[in-house]
Protein backbone atom coordinates (compact mmCIF):
# COMPACT_ATOMS: atom_id res chain seq x y z
CA MET A 1 0.00 0.00 0.00
CA ILE A 2 2.83 2.44 0.91
CA ARG A 3 6.29 1.91 -0.56
CA PHE A 4 9.43 3.97 -0.04
CA GLU A 5 12.13 3.49 -2.68
CA GLN A 6 15.53 4.96 -1.74
CA VAL A 7 13.90 8.12 -0.39
CA GLY A 8 16.01 10.94 1.00
CA LYS A 9 15.39 14.46 2.26
CA VAL A 10 18.07 17.16 2.40
CA TYR A 11 17.10 20.70 3.40
CA PRO A 12 18.55 23.81 1.68
CA ASP A 13 20.97 24.40 4.57
CA GLY A 14 22.47 20.96 3.95
CA THR A 15 20.75 19.18 6.82
CA ALA A 16 20.03 15.57 5.82
CA ALA A 17 16.79 14.54 7.54
CA VAL A 18 16.52 11.02 6.13
CA HIS A 19 18.83 8.85 4.05
CA ASP A 20 18.02 6.18 1.51
CA LEU A 21 14.76 4.93 3.04
CA SER A 22 13.38 1.75 1.47
CA PHE A 23 10.53 -0.09 3.15
CA GLU A 24 6.95 -1.13 2.52
CA VAL A 25 3.76 -1.00 4.57
CA ALA A 26 1.20 -3.63 3.62
CA GLU A 27 -2.48 -2.88 3.16
CA GLY A 28 -4.28 -2.87 6.51
CA GLU A 29 -1.00 -2.86 8.47
CA LEU A 30 -0.21 -0.51 11.35
CA VAL A 31 3.46 0.45 11.36
CA THR A 32 4.94 2.57 14.12
CA LEU A 33 7.91 4.85 13.44
CA VAL A 34 9.85 5.26 16.67
CA GLY A 35 13.03 6.98 17.70
CA PRO A 36 14.47 10.00 19.50
CA SER A 37 13.63 13.57 18.53
CA GLY A 38 15.23 14.71 15.29
CA CYS A 39 15.77 11.22 13.89
CA GLY A 40 13.59 11.73 10.80
CA LYS A 41 10.45 9.79 11.66
CA THR A 42 8.03 12.75 11.33
CA THR A 43 9.76 13.84 8.11
CA THR A 44 9.19 10.33 6.77
CA MET A 45 5.49 10.45 7.56
CA MET A 46 4.95 13.97 6.22
CA MET A 47 6.50 13.03 2.90
CA VAL A 48 3.63 10.57 2.35
CA ASN A 49 1.07 13.38 2.03
CA ARG A 50 3.63 15.79 0.50
CA LEU A 51 3.62 18.26 3.36
CA ILE A 52 7.36 17.72 2.92
CA GLU A 53 8.75 16.92 -0.53
CA PRO A 54 11.52 14.30 -0.82
CA THR A 55 14.73 15.30 -2.59
CA SER A 56 15.50 11.81 -3.88
CA GLY A 57 13.79 8.49 -4.46
CA ARG A 58 10.06 8.02 -4.76
CA ILE A 59 7.04 7.12 -2.64
CA LEU A 60 4.15 5.06 -3.97
CA VAL A 61 0.68 4.79 -2.44
CA ALA A 62 -1.47 1.99 -3.84
CA GLY A 63 1.05 1.64 -6.67
CA GLU A 64 0.85 5.31 -7.70
CA ASP A 65 3.87 7.63 -7.53
CA ILE A 66 2.62 10.47 -5.33
CA ALA A 67 4.91 12.97 -7.07
CA ALA A 68 2.50 12.80 -10.03
CA VAL A 69 -0.60 13.42 -7.88
CA ASP A 70 -2.01 16.85 -7.10
CA PRO A 71 -1.08 17.47 -3.42
CA VAL A 72 -4.54 18.70 -2.43
CA ARG A 73 -6.23 15.68 -4.01
CA LEU A 74 -3.66 13.41 -2.39
CA ARG A 75 -4.24 14.86 1.10
CA ARG A 76 -7.99 14.51 0.85
CA ARG A 77 -7.63 10.77 0.47
CA ILE A 78 -5.14 10.38 3.34
CA GLY A 79 -6.34 10.79 6.92
CA TYR A 80 -4.10 12.85 9.19
CA VAL A 81 -4.15 12.93 13.01
CA ILE A 82 -1.79 15.18 14.96
CA GLN A 83 -1.00 15.50 18.66
CA GLN A 84 -2.79 18.83 19.15
CA VAL A 85 -5.79 17.61 17.09
CA GLY A 86 -6.29 20.94 15.26
CA LEU A 87 -10.07 21.17 15.50
CA PHE A 88 -11.73 24.37 14.30
CA PRO A 89 -12.86 26.15 17.50
CA HIS A 90 -15.82 27.90 15.81
CA ARG A 91 -17.33 24.73 14.36
CA THR A 92 -19.35 22.07 16.14
CA VAL A 93 -17.96 18.61 16.74
CA LEU A 94 -20.24 17.22 14.02
CA ASP A 95 -19.11 19.77 11.44
CA ASN A 96 -15.46 19.39 12.46
CA THR A 97 -15.78 15.67 11.82
CA ALA A 98 -17.42 16.28 8.44
CA THR A 99 -14.67 18.69 7.26
CA VAL A 100 -13.09 16.51 4.58
CA PRO A 101 -16.40 15.20 3.17
CA PHE A 102 -17.53 18.84 2.89
CA LEU A 103 -14.32 19.74 1.04
CA THR A 104 -14.66 16.84 -1.36
CA GLY A 105 -18.15 17.89 -2.38
CA TRP A 106 -20.43 15.70 -0.30
CA LYS A 107 -23.91 17.10 0.32
CA LYS A 108 -24.37 18.32 3.90
CA PRO A 109 -26.91 15.64 4.94
CA ARG A 110 -24.64 12.85 3.70
CA ALA A 111 -21.49 14.38 5.22
CA ARG A 112 -23.15 14.91 8.59
CA ALA A 113 -24.62 11.39 8.56
CA ARG A 114 -21.13 10.02 7.95
CA ALA A 115 -19.74 12.25 10.72
CA ALA A 116 -22.39 11.00 13.15
CA GLU A 117 -21.56 7.40 12.24
CA LEU A 118 -17.85 7.99 12.92
CA LEU A 119 -18.45 9.80 16.20
CA ASP A 120 -20.50 6.84 17.36
CA LEU A 121 -17.71 4.48 16.23
CA VAL A 122 -15.14 6.31 18.39
CA GLY A 123 -17.44 6.25 21.41
CA LEU A 124 -18.95 9.75 21.26
CA ASP A 125 -22.73 9.77 21.04
CA PRO A 126 -23.48 12.27 18.23
CA SER A 127 -26.77 13.27 19.86
CA VAL A 128 -24.79 14.32 22.95
CA TYR A 129 -21.50 15.59 21.52
CA GLY A 130 -22.34 16.56 17.93
CA SER A 131 -23.59 20.05 18.78
CA ARG A 132 -20.79 20.84 21.22
CA TYR A 133 -17.69 22.89 20.44
CA PRO A 134 -14.08 21.72 20.94
CA ASP A 135 -13.56 23.81 24.10
CA GLN A 136 -16.44 21.88 25.70
CA LEU A 137 -14.58 18.57 25.36
CA SER A 138 -11.85 16.91 27.39
CA GLY A 139 -8.45 16.28 25.82
CA GLY A 140 -9.27 12.62 25.25
CA GLN A 141 -12.61 13.49 23.65
CA ARG A 142 -10.96 15.99 21.31
CA GLN A 143 -8.46 13.32 20.31
CA ARG A 144 -11.31 10.96 19.46
CA VAL A 145 -12.89 13.65 17.30
CA GLY A 146 -9.56 14.05 15.53
CA VAL A 147 -9.50 10.33 14.72
CA ALA A 148 -13.13 10.42 13.57
CA ARG A 149 -12.41 13.41 11.32
CA ALA A 150 -9.42 11.64 9.77
CA LEU A 151 -11.63 8.63 8.95
CA ALA A 152 -14.67 10.56 7.74
CA ALA A 153 -13.96 10.36 4.00
CA ASP A 154 -12.98 6.67 4.37
CA PRO A 155 -9.31 7.14 3.38
CA PRO A 156 -7.27 4.00 2.73
CA VAL A 157 -4.22 5.51 4.49
CA LEU A 158 -4.03 7.12 7.93
CA LEU A 159 -1.06 9.14 9.18
CA MET A 160 -0.82 9.71 12.93
CA ASP A 161 1.79 12.02 14.47
CA GLU A 162 2.11 11.47 18.25
CA PRO A 163 -1.71 11.11 18.35
CA PHE A 164 -1.97 10.27 22.05
CA GLY A 165 0.89 12.35 23.41
CA ALA A 166 -1.16 15.28 24.70
CA VAL A 167 -3.21 13.36 27.28
CA ASP A 168 -2.39 11.81 30.65
CA PRO A 169 -1.10 8.21 30.84
CA VAL A 170 -4.43 6.69 31.93
CA VAL A 171 -6.38 8.34 29.10
CA ARG A 172 -3.55 7.53 26.66
CA GLU A 173 -3.76 3.82 27.41
CA ARG A 174 -7.53 3.86 27.03
CA LEU A 175 -7.30 5.71 23.70
CA GLN A 176 -4.69 3.24 22.48
CA ASP A 177 -6.99 0.34 23.32
CA GLU A 178 -9.93 2.05 21.65
CA PHE A 179 -7.94 2.78 18.52
CA LEU A 180 -6.69 -0.80 18.27
CA GLY A 181 -10.29 -1.98 18.57
CA LEU A 182 -11.29 0.50 15.87
CA GLN A 183 -8.41 -0.59 13.63
CA ALA A 184 -9.56 -4.20 13.92
CA THR A 185 -12.85 -3.02 12.39
CA VAL A 186 -11.76 -0.50 9.74
CA ARG A 187 -8.34 -2.01 8.80
CA LYS A 188 -6.67 1.15 7.53
CA THR A 189 -3.04 1.28 6.44
CA VAL A 190 -1.48 3.32 9.24
CA LEU A 191 1.83 5.07 9.84
CA LEU A 192 2.03 6.16 13.48
CA VAL A 193 4.90 8.31 14.73
CA THR A 194 5.89 8.08 18.39
CA HIS A 195 8.96 8.61 20.56
CA ASP A 196 7.66 6.08 23.12
CA ILE A 197 8.93 2.53 22.58
CA GLU A 198 6.18 1.10 24.78
CA GLU A 199 3.51 2.75 22.62
CA ALA A 200 5.29 1.55 19.48
CA VAL A 201 5.37 -2.01 20.79
CA ARG A 202 1.77 -1.92 21.91
CA MET A 203 0.33 -0.40 18.75
CA GLY A 204 2.42 -1.65 15.85
CA ASP A 205 2.12 -4.74 13.70
CA ARG A 206 5.70 -3.83 12.81
CA ILE A 207 8.09 -1.20 14.13
CA ALA A 208 10.61 0.96 12.28
CA VAL A 209 13.28 1.97 14.80
CA TYR A 210 15.20 5.07 13.64
CA GLY A 211 18.75 6.09 14.27
CA GLU A 212 19.95 9.34 12.71
CA GLY A 213 17.86 9.61 9.56
CA ARG A 214 17.99 5.88 8.93
CA ILE A 215 15.93 2.87 9.92
CA GLU A 216 18.10 0.69 12.12
CA GLN A 217 15.55 -2.15 12.34
CA PHE A 218 12.17 -2.83 10.73
CA ASP A 219 10.49 -5.87 12.23
CA THR A 220 7.74 -7.13 14.50
CA PRO A 221 7.62 -5.79 18.07
CA ALA A 222 8.59 -9.19 19.45
CA ALA A 223 11.63 -9.42 17.16
CA VAL A 224 12.79 -5.88 17.95
CA LEU A 225 12.58 -6.56 21.69
CA GLY A 226 13.94 -10.09 21.50
CA ALA A 227 16.79 -9.52 19.05
CA PRO A 228 17.78 -5.85 18.57
CA ALA A 229 19.60 -5.56 15.25
CA THR A 230 22.13 -2.94 16.35
CA PRO A 231 23.58 -1.56 19.58
CA ARG A 232 21.62 1.65 18.96
CA VAL A 233 18.33 -0.29 18.82
CA ALA A 234 19.26 -2.20 21.97
CA GLN A 235 20.00 1.06 23.77
CA PHE A 236 16.77 2.67 22.61
CA VAL A 237 14.45 -0.21 23.53
CA GLY A 238 16.13 -0.36 26.94
CA ALA A 239 17.64 -2.91 29.27
CA ASP A 240 14.14 -3.90 30.39
CA ARG A 241 13.17 -5.07 26.90
CA GLY A 242 12.46 -8.54 28.31
CA LEU A 243 9.68 -7.03 30.42
CA LYS A 244 8.42 -5.04 27.44
CA ARG A 245 8.31 -8.24 25.42
CA LEU A 246 5.76 -9.65 27.87
CA SER A 247 3.25 -7.23 26.34
CA VAL A 248 3.66 -8.69 22.82
CA THR A 249 3.94 -12.40 23.68
CA GLU A 250 0.56 -14.10 23.76
CA ILE A 251 -0.42 -16.96 26.04
CA GLU A 252 -0.72 -20.23 24.14
CA ALA A 253 -2.30 -23.50 25.25
CA ASP A 254 1.13 -25.19 25.30
CA ASP A 255 2.27 -22.72 27.99
CA LEU A 256 -0.27 -24.00 30.51
CA GLU A 257 -0.34 -26.60 33.24
CA GLN A 258 -3.36 -28.76 34.04
CA PRO A 259 -4.10 -28.55 37.79
CA PRO A 260 -6.27 -30.91 39.86
CA PHE A 261 -9.99 -30.18 39.55
CA ALA A 262 -13.29 -30.93 41.26
CA ARG A 263 -16.76 -30.81 39.75
CA LEU A 264 -19.26 -28.21 40.92
CA ASP A 265 -21.92 -30.77 41.96
CA GLU A 266 -19.50 -33.43 43.19
CA PRO A 267 -19.85 -34.40 46.87
CA ALA A 268 -17.09 -32.72 48.89
CA ARG A 269 -16.12 -36.01 50.57
CA ASN A 270 -15.48 -37.68 47.20
CA ALA A 271 -13.43 -34.77 45.89
CA ALA A 272 -11.43 -34.58 49.13
CA ALA A 273 -10.52 -38.27 49.00
CA ARG A 274 -9.43 -38.05 45.39
CA LEU A 275 -7.33 -34.92 45.92
CA ARG A 276 -5.67 -36.31 49.08
CA ALA A 277 -4.73 -39.45 47.17
CA ASP A 278 -3.06 -37.28 44.52
CA GLY A 279 -1.29 -35.15 47.13
CA ALA A 280 -3.12 -32.01 45.91
CA ARG A 281 -3.67 -29.09 48.29
CA TRP A 282 -6.21 -27.29 46.12
CA ALA A 283 -8.30 -27.70 42.97
CA VAL A 284 -10.10 -25.58 40.43
CA VAL A 285 -13.87 -26.04 40.48
CA LEU A 286 -15.45 -26.74 37.09
CA THR A 287 -18.95 -27.28 35.79
CA ASP A 288 -19.83 -30.38 33.74
CA GLU A 289 -19.18 -28.23 30.63
CA ASN A 290 -15.65 -27.40 31.91
CA ASP A 291 -16.59 -23.78 32.62
CA LEU A 292 -14.62 -22.28 35.49
CA HIS A 293 -16.61 -21.75 38.69
CA GLY A 294 -13.81 -21.04 41.20
CA TRP A 295 -11.30 -22.86 43.39
CA VAL A 296 -11.28 -24.76 46.67
CA SER A 297 -8.69 -26.17 49.08
CA THR A 298 -8.45 -29.86 49.91
CA GLU A 299 -8.53 -28.96 53.62
CA GLU A 300 -11.89 -27.19 53.21
CA LEU A 301 -13.29 -30.15 51.29
CA SER A 302 -12.11 -32.56 54.00
CA SER A 303 -13.61 -30.46 56.81
CA ALA A 304 -16.99 -30.13 55.12
CA GLY A 305 -17.10 -33.54 53.51
CA ARG A 306 -18.61 -35.29 56.51
CA GLY A 307 -21.75 -33.18 56.12
CA GLY A 308 -22.34 -34.21 52.52
CA ALA A 309 -22.03 -30.70 51.06
CA PRO A 310 -21.37 -30.33 47.33
CA VAL A 311 -18.09 -28.81 46.16
CA GLY A 312 -19.87 -25.74 44.80
CA ASP A 313 -20.94 -24.69 48.31
CA LEU A 314 -17.28 -24.33 49.32
CA ALA A 315 -15.80 -22.77 46.18
CA HIS A 316 -14.12 -19.37 46.20
CA ARG A 317 -14.31 -16.84 43.39
CA MET A 318 -11.35 -17.00 41.01
CA GLU A 319 -9.92 -13.47 40.98
CA ALA A 320 -6.76 -14.04 38.96
CA TRP A 321 -7.67 -15.06 35.41
CA VAL A 322 -6.98 -14.00 31.82
CA PRO A 323 -8.34 -15.04 28.42
CA VAL A 324 -6.29 -17.34 26.21
CA GLY A 325 -4.34 -15.22 23.72
CA ALA A 326 -3.86 -12.40 26.23
CA PRO A 327 -0.29 -11.07 26.54
CA LEU A 328 1.97 -12.51 29.21
CA LYS A 329 2.13 -9.02 30.71
CA HIS A 330 -1.57 -9.24 31.55
CA ALA A 331 -1.05 -12.55 33.34
CA PHE A 332 1.98 -11.20 35.21
CA SER A 333 -0.06 -8.18 36.34
CA GLU A 334 -2.82 -10.46 37.63
CA MET A 335 -0.28 -12.50 39.61
CA LEU A 336 1.07 -9.34 41.25
CA GLN A 337 -2.31 -7.74 41.87
CA TYR A 338 -3.79 -10.78 43.61
CA ASP A 339 -0.52 -12.16 45.04
CA ALA A 340 -1.34 -15.36 43.15
CA GLY A 341 0.97 -18.28 42.46
CA TRP A 342 -0.84 -18.89 39.16
CA VAL A 343 -3.58 -17.45 36.99
CA ALA A 344 -6.43 -19.32 35.34
CA VAL A 345 -6.66 -19.10 31.55
CA LEU A 346 -10.09 -19.17 29.94
CA ASP A 347 -11.51 -19.52 26.46
CA GLY A 348 -14.76 -17.64 27.01
CA ALA A 349 -15.98 -19.32 30.20
CA ARG A 350 -14.26 -22.64 29.42
CA PHE A 351 -11.25 -23.46 31.57
CA VAL A 352 -8.08 -24.12 29.54
CA GLY A 353 -5.38 -24.41 32.23
CA VAL A 354 -3.25 -22.34 34.59
CA LEU A 355 -0.17 -20.24 33.94
CA THR A 356 2.48 -20.39 36.67
CA PRO A 357 5.49 -18.06 37.08
CA ALA A 358 7.82 -20.81 35.85
CA LYS A 359 5.65 -21.43 32.78
CA LEU A 360 5.42 -17.67 32.11
CA HIS A 361 9.21 -17.47 32.09
CA GLU A 362 9.39 -20.51 29.85
CA ALA A 363 6.88 -19.01 27.40
CA LEU A 364 8.95 -15.83 27.16
CA ARG A 365 12.17 -17.77 26.56
CA ARG A 366 10.45 -19.97 23.99
CA SER A 367 9.14 -16.91 22.15
CA VAL A 368 12.59 -15.30 21.97
CA ASP A 369 14.22 -18.52 20.78
CA ALA A 370 11.47 -19.11 18.21
CA ASP A 371 12.10 -15.69 16.65
CA ALA A 372 15.85 -16.28 16.63
CA GLN A 373 15.42 -19.67 14.93
CA GLY A 374 12.58 -18.60 12.64
CA VAL A 375 10.27 -21.40 13.79
CA PRO A 376 6.93 -21.59 15.64
CA ARG A 377 7.09 -21.52 19.44
CA GLY A 378 5.86 -25.08 19.65
CA GLN A 379 9.02 -26.33 17.92
CA VAL A 380 11.39 -24.82 20.48
CA SER A 381 12.60 -27.04 23.28
CA PHE A 382 14.98 -26.48 26.18
CA ASP A 383 15.48 -27.53 29.78
CA SER A 384 12.64 -26.00 31.73
CA VAL A 385 12.72 -24.69 35.28
CA ALA A 386 9.18 -26.06 35.63
CA ASP A 387 10.43 -29.58 34.90
CA ALA A 388 13.40 -29.44 37.30
């Protein structure tokens, strides 16, 4: 969808902003450009909509050399979101959102209907927010309007320059989540500029890590964190890149252990006898459909078993759990929050297994080794702490 072919930019004073850039962004892919200030990432992005003209090479969008396209026409088919949003203060939220459709000749009813649809998509009820003005919105709400405006004319390409940098960390994380959910629906081709490696890792399908005007590494977040290509990349992603990698390594079924279990309607005395025979101190409590109900200790089952109570009467709520496919970071956070020795992993309500600290570490190691060897995680083997 977007292709850079040996692109360079040198300013009249001799400053070389970028050198010999060659990379490609696939249709529907979100690529983050990350690096320190002055490294050329914003220049790269702004050359795509010709706000900055390259001095060498060429850039193609959907196979068309943008140098041959009228800049105004080009910009109207590329969405653009900036950190300060840039809403018109004298126009309502609805009309701000409909700006590009208005400019491209849409009739007002159609443009406003599209704007209302987009506001709803970004979580702003148009009947509530459409008639408001930008100064009546919070920073996070204005940022959502900026995203809606960029999408209003249904552009195939979206450029985002530090889009979440002007809000506090809590709002930023929520906006990131909301945008990723939106991207899963609209599947735009996105270039997102950021100086924050954690945001780049969280948002990007792939990351371009810049040095001084050059891309030092262009790869998946997991590969960048697991195997930095250069010392400069390693320094930029930080010594804690192993922790950062937890956020991009998903939990797989092979990472899990299968703990002892008891059935919800099973007599406590029967479950206690079975668990004592196996030397188990606790068990997860499951329904007949293998849905997770909670957990119970063998001691509690033994104490109550003489009265004939069912297991379900003694079960505790399972606080520490995550869905299968969640990042390891989510599981690690649950362990810390609930001081848990393991977390349950669910597929919907169905119990899949438990992730222990040893298995979490093993999953991370397996992920790193799999990237290094170019094979699926399931094909990597090594001596495991969990098996010692």
